[in-house]
C-alpha cells in the first residue's frame, strides 16, 4: 500500500517571529511550529529539557487522592501490594513505585502478571488470595483500567485499589480508590470513555492537539513508567529534585521501550535518564547493558539491544528474573537471573523467526498484499509473540494485521493497526 505524503503549509511570518524571539533559524522555527511549539518558553523546554521543568504531578487525575492513601498506608504500616504488567513498561513502573515507597518507610511487596497463565491484568485467583491476606491496599501498575470487576471484588473484601495506568478503557472506567490515568478527562474535565485501540496522533501532532483541547501538560504522552515517575515526584514533594534522579534510569528505559512520543515530561525523562541507563547504580541493569553490548546512550541502542532482552521473559510468561535485575540492590542470585533472561531471549528469537517465516509464507500465498487487512494464523505459534508479529507485519505492509496462535480448542492473538484506523472498532462492528 503506497504512502500518501501530506505537506503542511508553511507560515513564514510566524516562523520568522519565533526565530527572532529564540535566535533559531526560521526553518527550525517552522518545524517547531508544525509540532505545536509556538512560544519561546515552550521552545526552551523542548530543545533544552531539564528536570526542574517537570510539570506539576498534581495535574494528573486522582494523583492527590492516591498520594494521600499511600501516605496513610505508610503511617499505619499497612502492607502494600504492587501488581504490575509483565512488559518492560510495567516492570520498570513497578520497581520505581516499590523503591520510592520503601524508601519512605512502606511495607511493600511486588508481583508481576503471567499473561500466558492468567491473561492480562490481575487474575481472579489472585483476587481470592488477597481476600485471605492482611493486604488492604493494592496498586495496579500498567493494568487495572479495564478491570472494573476485579476492583469491585477487592472493594467488597475491604481492599482498596490504586490504578497507575495509561491504557484507554474498553467499556467505561474502573472505580478504584484512585485512578491515575492521564486519559481520564476531556478538555472540560468530564470523564472520557473511548475504545481501546483509539488511534493515537502522530507524535509531531500530539503537542498541538493537547493545546487545541485546552489540556496542556495533561500527560497523555506518558506510559506507565512515566506515570510511576510522576507519582514518585508527588510522594517526594520538596525532596523530589534531589531524589528523583535515582529513578531516571528506569523511567527512561520504560518510556523508550513503550515507544511513546518524546514530548512533554517524556522528553525530560529520556534526556536526563538516557546516560543513566548505561551508568546505572543498579548492578543488574549494568550487567544487562554489558551482556547486550548496549554501549551508546542513544534511543536506538536501548530499543534495539536492551529492550528485547528485557521483554523476552514476560513474553514467555514469567518476568520475575528481569524485575529482580532492575532493582537497586545486588543479589547472589543475579547470575542465575541473567542466565534466565538470556535463555528467554534466545528462545523468543528462535520462535519469532519461525513465526515470521510462516506468516510471510501466508502473506504471499494468500495475496494479503492486495487486501486492506491481513490475518495470519498457525497452530503451534507462541501466543506471547503474536503482538510483535502483528506489529512487524503492520509496519512492513502498511495495513492492519492480526496474528492468531491456535491450539486444539481456541485461538489467541493480537492485532496492530496503522495511524487513523481503529482496528478494535472495526472488529466490534462485526462481532
Protein backbone atom coordinates (compact mmCIF):
# COMPACT_ATOMS: atom_id res chain seq x y z
CA UNK A 1 0.00 0.00 0.00
CA UNK A 2 1.72 3.23 -1.12
CA UNK A 3 2.39 6.05 1.32
CA UNK A 4 0.50 9.31 0.94
CA UNK A 5 2.53 12.39 1.78
CA UNK A 6 0.66 15.44 3.03
CA UNK A 7 2.83 18.55 3.15
CA UNK A 8 1.81 21.05 5.79
CA UNK A 9 1.65 24.66 4.73
CA UNK A 10 4.49 26.93 5.83
CA UNK A 11 3.82 30.01 7.98
CA UNK A 12 6.80 32.28 7.16
CA UNK A 13 5.65 35.26 9.25
CA UNK A 14 5.05 33.22 12.41
CA UNK A 15 8.26 31.28 11.83
CA UNK A 16 10.25 34.50 11.42
CA UNK A 17 8.72 35.91 14.61
CA UNK A 18 9.55 32.79 16.61
CA UNK A 19 13.05 32.70 15.11
CA UNK A 20 13.72 36.30 16.23
CA UNK A 21 12.46 35.55 19.75
CA UNK A 22 14.58 32.41 20.15
CA UNK A 23 17.63 33.02 17.98
CA UNK A 24 16.85 29.98 15.84
CA UNK A 25 16.94 29.63 12.07
CA UNK A 26 13.49 30.26 10.52
CA UNK A 27 13.39 26.72 9.12
CA UNK A 28 13.92 25.29 12.60
CA UNK A 29 11.25 27.62 13.92
CA UNK A 30 8.86 26.38 11.24
CA UNK A 31 9.45 22.74 12.20
CA UNK A 32 8.70 23.62 15.82
CA UNK A 33 5.50 25.42 14.80
CA UNK A 34 4.36 22.29 12.96
CA UNK A 35 4.88 20.40 16.21
CA UNK A 36 2.65 22.82 18.08
CA UNK A 37 5.53 24.57 19.84
CA UNK A 38 4.88 28.25 19.29
CA UNK A 39 6.07 30.04 22.45
CA UNK A 40 9.70 30.87 23.31
CA UNK A 41 9.32 29.21 26.72
CA UNK A 42 7.99 26.02 25.09
CA UNK A 43 10.90 26.10 22.62
CA UNK A 44 13.36 26.30 25.51
CA UNK A 45 11.75 23.32 27.27
CA UNK A 46 11.71 21.29 24.05
CA UNK A 47 15.28 21.97 22.98
CA UNK A 48 16.83 22.03 26.46
CA UNK A 49 14.75 19.73 28.71
CA UNK A 50 15.67 19.90 32.40
CA UNK A 51 14.46 18.08 35.46
CA UNK A 52 13.33 21.30 37.12
CA UNK A 53 10.94 21.84 34.18
CA UNK A 54 8.81 18.80 35.01
CA UNK A 55 5.11 19.52 35.08
CA UNK A 56 3.17 19.57 38.35
CA UNK A 57 2.19 15.95 39.09
CA UNK A 58 -0.98 17.15 40.83
CA UNK A 59 -2.43 17.87 37.37
CA UNK A 60 -2.85 14.12 36.82
CA UNK A 61 -6.34 12.79 37.64
CA UNK A 62 -6.70 11.39 41.17
CA UNK A 63 -3.00 11.75 41.93
CA UNK A 64 -3.60 13.79 45.08
CA UNK A 65 -6.11 11.22 46.34
CA UNK A 66 -3.76 8.36 45.51
CA UNK A 67 -0.84 10.02 47.30
CA UNK A 68 -2.95 10.57 50.41
CA UNK A 69 -3.92 6.89 50.52
CA UNK A 70 -0.30 5.74 50.06
CA UNK A 71 0.92 8.07 52.79
CA UNK A 72 -1.78 6.79 55.15
CA UNK A 73 -0.63 3.23 54.49
CA UNK A 74 2.96 4.25 55.24
CA UNK A 75 1.98 5.93 58.50
CA UNK A 76 -0.17 3.00 59.67
CA UNK A 77 2.35 0.38 58.49
CA UNK A 78 -0.26 -1.25 56.27
CA UNK A 79 1.21 -3.77 53.80
CA UNK A 80 1.05 -2.57 50.19
CA UNK A 81 0.98 -4.92 47.22
CA UNK A 82 2.15 -3.62 43.84
CA UNK A 83 0.89 -5.78 40.97
CA UNK A 84 2.31 -4.84 37.57
CA UNK A 85 2.14 -5.95 33.98
CA UNK A 86 4.88 -8.21 32.64
CA UNK A 87 6.26 -5.99 29.88
CA UNK A 88 9.18 -3.63 30.41
CA UNK A 89 6.92 -0.62 30.93
CA UNK A 90 5.05 -2.42 33.71
CA UNK A 91 8.22 -3.82 35.27
CA UNK A 92 10.10 -0.50 35.40
CA UNK A 93 7.00 1.24 36.77
CA UNK A 94 6.59 -1.42 39.48
CA UNK A 95 10.21 -1.14 40.60
CA UNK A 96 10.09 2.67 40.68
CA UNK A 97 7.00 2.68 42.89
CA UNK A 98 8.22 -0.11 45.17
CA UNK A 99 11.58 1.55 45.78
CA UNK A 100 10.26 5.04 46.44
CA UNK A 101 7.57 3.70 48.79
CA UNK A 102 10.07 1.50 50.63
CA UNK A 103 12.44 4.48 50.99
CA UNK A 104 9.58 6.37 52.64
CA UNK A 105 9.02 3.55 55.13
CA UNK A 106 6.31 1.48 53.46
CA UNK A 107 5.94 -2.28 53.74
CA UNK A 108 5.88 -3.26 50.06
CA UNK A 109 5.55 -6.49 48.13
CA UNK A 110 5.76 -6.66 44.33
CA UNK A 111 4.31 -9.23 41.94
CA UNK A 112 4.06 -9.28 38.16
CA UNK A 113 1.48 -10.80 35.87
CA UNK A 114 1.97 -14.02 33.94
CA UNK A 115 -0.01 -13.39 30.78
CA UNK A 116 0.28 -16.95 29.49
CA UNK A 117 -1.10 -18.48 32.67
CA UNK A 118 -3.50 -15.80 33.88
CA UNK A 119 -4.20 -13.48 30.97
CA UNK A 120 -3.86 -9.70 31.18
CA UNK A 121 -4.03 -7.87 34.49
CA UNK A 122 -4.94 -9.10 37.96
CA UNK A 123 -6.18 -12.73 37.71
CA UNK A 124 -9.36 -13.81 39.55
CA UNK A 125 -7.43 -16.40 41.60
CA UNK A 126 -5.17 -13.65 42.89
CA UNK A 127 -8.17 -11.60 43.98
CA UNK A 128 -9.30 -14.55 46.12
CA UNK A 129 -5.80 -14.92 47.60
CA UNK A 130 -5.74 -11.26 48.59
CA UNK A 131 -9.07 -11.66 50.37
CA UNK A 132 -7.36 -14.10 52.74
CA UNK A 133 -4.27 -11.92 53.31
CA UNK A 134 -3.54 -8.91 55.51
CA UNK A 135 -3.08 -6.63 52.46
CA UNK A 136 -5.56 -3.79 52.38
CA UNK A 137 -4.04 -1.64 49.64
CA UNK A 138 -3.22 -2.83 46.12
CA UNK A 139 -1.53 -0.67 43.47
CA UNK A 140 -2.18 -1.93 39.94
CA UNK A 141 0.53 -0.77 37.55
CA UNK A 142 0.20 -0.72 33.74
CA UNK A 143 -3.12 -2.53 34.12
CA UNK A 144 -6.38 -2.06 36.04
CA UNK A 145 -8.20 0.47 33.86
CA UNK A 146 -10.15 -2.38 32.26
CA UNK A 147 -10.57 -4.47 35.41
CA UNK A 148 -13.67 -2.97 36.93
CA UNK A 149 -14.99 -6.34 38.15
CA UNK A 150 -11.74 -7.35 39.90
CA UNK A 151 -11.52 -3.93 41.57
CA UNK A 152 -15.14 -4.23 42.68
CA UNK A 153 -14.44 -7.64 44.23
CA UNK A 154 -11.43 -6.27 46.07
CA UNK A 155 -13.51 -3.38 47.38
CA UNK A 156 -16.18 -5.79 48.67
CA UNK A 157 -13.40 -7.65 50.50
CA UNK A 158 -12.28 -4.40 52.15
CA UNK A 159 -9.22 -3.95 49.96
CA UNK A 160 -8.66 -0.54 48.37
CA UNK A 161 -7.05 -0.19 44.95
CA UNK A 162 -4.98 2.50 43.26
CA UNK A 163 -4.52 2.20 39.50
CA UNK A 164 -1.46 3.72 37.78
CA UNK A 165 -2.10 3.04 34.10
CA UNK A 166 -2.06 4.69 30.68
CA UNK A 167 -4.44 2.41 28.78
CA UNK A 168 -7.77 3.56 27.38
CA UNK A 169 -10.83 1.62 28.64
CA UNK A 170 -12.88 -0.82 26.62
CA UNK A 171 -16.20 -0.06 28.32
CA UNK A 172 -16.22 2.73 30.87
CA UNK A 173 -13.79 3.34 33.69
CA UNK A 174 -12.98 1.13 36.64
CA UNK A 175 -13.77 2.73 40.02
CA UNK A 176 -10.82 2.23 42.37
CA UNK A 177 -9.88 4.45 45.29
CA UNK A 178 -7.72 6.42 42.82
CA UNK A 179 -7.43 6.02 39.05
CA UNK A 180 -4.23 7.78 37.97
CA UNK A 181 -4.70 7.66 34.21
CA UNK A 182 -3.98 10.76 32.10
CA UNK A 183 -6.66 9.83 29.55
CA UNK A 184 -9.41 10.07 32.14
CA UNK A 185 -10.74 13.53 31.44
CA UNK A 186 -11.57 15.52 28.37
CA UNK A 187 -10.92 19.22 27.93
CA UNK A 188 -13.93 20.09 30.11
CA UNK A 189 -12.81 17.81 32.93
CA UNK A 190 -15.62 15.27 32.36
CA UNK A 191 -14.91 11.53 32.43
CA UNK A 192 -13.94 10.33 28.99
CA UNK A 193 -14.79 6.91 27.60
CA UNK A 194 -13.13 5.69 24.43
CA UNK A 195 -12.41 2.42 22.74
CA UNK A 196 -9.18 0.63 23.49
CA UNK A 197 -7.04 0.99 20.42
CA UNK A 198 -8.22 4.51 19.61
CA UNK A 199 -5.74 5.80 17.03
CA UNK A 200 -3.04 7.96 18.53
CA UNK A 201 -1.97 11.00 16.59
CA UNK A 202 1.50 11.08 15.11
CA UNK A 203 3.99 12.32 17.73
CA UNK A 204 4.52 15.54 15.80
CA UNK A 205 0.85 16.37 16.30
CA UNK A 206 0.37 15.45 19.93
CA UNK A 207 1.61 18.72 21.41
CA UNK A 208 -0.62 20.85 19.22
CA UNK A 209 -3.59 18.54 19.79
CA UNK A 210 -3.19 18.86 23.55
CA UNK A 211 -3.11 22.62 23.33
CA UNK A 212 -6.08 22.66 20.98
CA UNK A 213 -8.02 20.61 23.51
CA UNK A 214 -7.11 23.05 26.25
CA UNK A 215 -5.21 20.46 28.25
CA UNK A 216 -1.53 21.39 28.02
CA UNK A 217 0.69 19.33 30.29
CA UNK A 218 -2.03 16.78 30.95
CA UNK A 219 0.48 13.98 30.50
CA UNK A 220 -1.30 11.89 27.90
CA UNK A 221 2.05 11.12 26.32
CA UNK A 222 3.18 9.26 29.47
CA UNK A 223 3.45 5.48 29.64
CA UNK A 224 3.14 3.69 32.99
CA UNK A 225 6.84 4.10 33.79
CA UNK A 226 6.43 7.85 33.28
CA UNK A 227 3.31 7.86 35.45
CA UNK A 228 5.16 5.98 38.20
CA UNK A 229 7.89 8.60 37.97
CA UNK A 230 5.25 11.33 38.39
CA UNK A 231 3.80 9.51 41.40
CA UNK A 232 7.32 9.37 42.84
CA UNK A 233 7.65 13.10 42.19
CA UNK A 234 4.45 13.70 44.14
CA UNK A 235 5.42 11.41 47.01
CA UNK A 236 8.84 13.00 47.41
CA UNK A 237 7.49 16.54 47.46
CA UNK A 238 10.17 19.08 48.35
CA UNK A 239 12.87 16.40 48.10
CA UNK A 240 11.90 15.45 44.54
CA UNK A 241 14.66 17.22 42.61
CA UNK A 242 17.32 15.75 44.88
CA UNK A 243 15.95 12.20 44.92
CA UNK A 244 14.23 11.68 41.54
CA UNK A 245 17.50 11.11 39.61
CA UNK A 246 17.72 7.67 41.30
CA UNK A 247 14.71 6.57 39.26
CA UNK A 248 15.50 8.28 35.95
CA UNK A 249 17.26 5.21 34.51
CA UNK A 250 14.15 3.05 34.89
CA UNK A 251 11.75 5.80 33.82
CA UNK A 252 13.75 6.42 30.65
CA UNK A 253 14.06 2.68 29.95
CA UNK A 254 10.31 2.11 30.28
CA UNK A 255 9.50 5.21 28.24
CA UNK A 256 11.75 4.17 25.35
CA UNK A 257 10.58 0.57 25.39
CA UNK A 258 6.94 1.64 25.11
CA UNK A 259 7.72 3.85 22.07
CA UNK A 260 5.68 6.81 23.34
CA UNK A 261 6.17 10.34 21.91
CA UNK A 262 9.18 12.20 23.28
CA UNK A 263 7.33 15.35 24.18
CA UNK A 264 6.43 16.98 27.49
CA UNK A 265 7.72 15.15 30.55
CA UNK A 266 8.75 12.18 28.41
CA UNK A 267 11.34 14.37 26.72
CA UNK A 268 12.76 15.42 30.07
CA UNK A 269 12.78 11.85 31.41
CA UNK A 270 14.64 10.46 28.40
CA UNK A 271 17.01 13.41 28.03
CA UNK A 272 18.02 13.26 31.69
CA UNK A 273 17.82 9.48 32.06
CA UNK A 274 19.38 8.09 28.89
CA UNK A 275 23.00 8.21 30.03
CA UNK A 276 21.97 6.98 33.48
CA UNK A 277 20.82 3.68 31.95
CA UNK A 278 24.41 2.83 31.00
CA UNK A 279 25.85 4.23 34.23
CA UNK A 280 23.09 2.90 36.46
CA UNK A 281 23.60 2.37 40.18
CA UNK A 282 21.61 -0.86 39.68
CA UNK A 283 24.11 -3.74 39.36
CA UNK A 284 21.71 -5.93 37.40
CA UNK A 285 20.94 -3.22 34.83
CA UNK A 286 24.67 -2.58 34.32
CA UNK A 287 25.20 -6.33 33.76
CA UNK A 288 22.35 -6.36 31.24
CA UNK A 289 23.88 -3.44 29.34
CA UNK A 290 27.20 -5.27 29.18
CA UNK A 291 25.60 -8.56 28.13
CA UNK A 292 23.65 -6.90 25.30
CA UNK A 293 26.60 -4.69 24.27
CA UNK A 294 24.47 -1.62 24.88
CA UNK A 295 27.33 0.87 24.92
CA UNK A 296 25.83 4.05 23.45
CA UNK A 297 23.48 6.40 25.23
CA UNK A 298 21.08 6.77 22.33
CA UNK A 299 17.48 5.61 21.99
CA UNK A 300 18.14 3.21 19.11
CA UNK A 301 20.69 1.21 21.12
CA UNK A 302 18.28 0.93 24.03
CA UNK A 303 15.28 -0.05 21.91
CA UNK A 304 17.08 -2.49 19.62
CA UNK A 305 19.53 -4.12 22.02
CA UNK A 306 18.44 -3.81 25.63
CA UNK A 307 14.63 -3.71 25.50
CA UNK A 308 14.14 -7.00 23.58
CA UNK A 309 16.26 -8.88 26.12
CA UNK A 310 14.21 -7.43 28.98
CA UNK A 311 10.83 -8.03 27.33
CA UNK A 312 11.56 -11.64 26.38
CA UNK A 313 10.86 -13.18 29.79
CA UNK A 314 7.45 -11.54 30.03
CA UNK A 315 6.52 -12.74 26.54
CA UNK A 316 7.23 -16.31 27.65
CA UNK A 317 5.30 -15.94 30.90
CA UNK A 318 7.38 -15.22 34.00
CA UNK A 319 9.18 -11.82 34.14
CA UNK A 320 10.38 -12.09 37.75
CA UNK A 321 14.07 -12.51 36.82
CA UNK A 322 14.02 -9.19 34.94
CA UNK A 323 12.20 -7.43 37.76
CA UNK A 324 14.84 -8.60 40.25
CA UNK A 325 17.66 -7.42 37.97
CA UNK A 326 16.15 -3.96 37.74
CA UNK A 327 16.23 -3.41 41.50
CA UNK A 328 18.88 -1.22 43.07
CA UNK A 329 20.25 -3.90 45.39
CA UNK A 330 22.72 -6.59 44.39
CA UNK A 331 22.00 -10.27 44.97
CA UNK A 332 23.91 -13.57 44.88
CA UNK A 333 21.16 -14.81 42.53
CA UNK A 334 21.95 -12.17 39.89
CA UNK A 335 23.89 -14.56 37.65
CA UNK A 336 21.04 -17.06 37.67
CA UNK A 337 18.60 -14.30 36.74
CA UNK A 338 20.96 -13.17 33.95
CA UNK A 339 21.01 -16.72 32.60
CA UNK A 340 17.22 -16.87 32.68
CA UNK A 341 16.89 -13.64 30.70
CA UNK A 342 19.43 -14.85 28.14
CA UNK A 343 17.65 -18.18 27.73
CA UNK A 344 14.29 -16.42 27.32
CA UNK A 345 15.74 -14.04 24.73
CA UNK A 346 17.29 -16.89 22.74
CA UNK A 347 14.00 -18.77 22.79
CA UNK A 348 11.91 -15.78 21.69
CA UNK A 349 14.29 -15.02 18.81
CA UNK A 350 14.08 -18.60 17.56
CA UNK A 351 10.29 -18.73 17.87
CA UNK A 352 9.83 -15.31 16.31
CA UNK A 353 11.96 -16.15 13.26
CA UNK A 354 9.93 -19.29 12.69
CA UNK A 355 6.61 -17.45 13.12
CA UNK A 356 7.65 -14.62 10.81
CA UNK A 357 8.75 -17.04 8.10
CA UNK A 358 5.43 -18.88 8.29
CA UNK A 359 3.49 -15.61 8.37
CA UNK A 360 5.34 -14.28 5.32
CA UNK A 361 4.54 -17.51 3.50
CA UNK A 362 0.84 -16.97 4.22
CA UNK A 363 1.01 -13.35 3.13
CA UNK A 364 2.46 -14.29 -0.25
CA UNK A 365 0.41 -17.47 -0.76
CA UNK A 366 -2.92 -15.81 0.04
CA UNK A 367 -2.13 -12.47 -1.62
CA UNK A 368 -2.68 -10.44 1.56
CA UNK A 369 -0.69 -7.61 0.00
CA UNK A 370 -3.71 -6.98 -2.24
CA UNK A 371 -6.15 -6.75 0.68
CA UNK A 372 -6.88 -4.00 3.18
CA UNK A 373 -6.19 -6.15 6.24
CA UNK A 374 -4.14 -9.29 6.82
CA UNK A 375 -4.93 -12.12 9.24
CA UNK A 376 -2.26 -14.79 9.72
CA UNK A 377 -2.77 -17.84 11.87
CA UNK A 378 -0.97 -21.07 12.68
CA UNK A 379 -1.31 -23.99 15.05
CA UNK A 380 1.59 -24.10 17.49
CA UNK A 381 2.54 -20.43 17.42
CA UNK A 382 3.52 -18.95 20.78
CA UNK A 383 0.74 -16.60 21.92
CA UNK A 384 3.22 -14.35 23.72
CA UNK A 385 4.77 -13.36 20.39
CA UNK A 386 1.64 -12.62 18.35
CA UNK A 387 1.76 -8.94 19.30
CA UNK A 388 5.26 -8.34 17.97
CA UNK A 389 4.47 -10.42 14.87
CA UNK A 390 1.34 -8.36 14.11
CA UNK A 391 3.28 -5.15 14.76
CA UNK A 392 6.03 -6.11 12.30
CA UNK A 393 3.53 -7.11 9.63
CA UNK A 394 1.55 -3.87 10.01
CA UNK A 395 4.74 -1.81 9.73
CA UNK A 396 6.10 -3.83 6.82
CA UNK A 397 2.94 -3.82 4.68
CA UNK A 398 1.26 -0.59 5.81
CA UNK A 399 -2.09 -2.10 6.79
CA UNK A 400 -3.73 -3.54 9.92
CA UNK A 401 -2.54 -7.04 10.84
CA UNK A 402 -3.86 -9.72 13.16
CA UNK A 403 -1.78 -12.73 14.22
CA UNK A 404 -3.53 -15.68 15.89
CA UNK A 405 -1.91 -18.62 17.70
CA UNK A 406 -4.10 -21.73 17.56
CA UNK A 407 -4.23 -24.79 19.77
CA UNK A 408 -6.72 -27.66 19.81
CA UNK A 409 -9.52 -25.63 21.35
CA UNK A 410 -9.10 -21.93 20.67
CA UNK A 411 -7.11 -19.14 19.11
CA UNK A 412 -5.42 -16.32 20.99
CA UNK A 413 -3.98 -13.42 19.07
CA UNK A 414 -3.09 -9.78 18.83
CA UNK A 415 -3.83 -7.04 16.34
CA UNK A 416 -1.87 -3.96 15.38
CA UNK A 417 -3.18 -1.13 13.26
CA UNK A 418 -1.92 1.83 11.28
CA UNK A 419 -2.48 5.53 12.06
CA UNK A 420 -6.06 6.79 11.69
CA UNK A 421 -7.66 3.34 11.59
CA UNK A 422 -9.28 1.99 14.77
CA UNK A 423 -8.91 -1.77 14.47
CA UNK A 424 -10.94 -2.58 17.58
CA UNK A 425 -13.91 -0.51 16.43
CA UNK A 426 -13.79 -2.36 13.11
CA UNK A 427 -13.80 -5.71 14.91
CA UNK A 428 -16.64 -4.64 17.21
CA UNK A 429 -18.73 -3.74 14.18
CA UNK A 430 -18.69 -7.37 13.01
CA UNK A 431 -18.62 -9.24 16.33
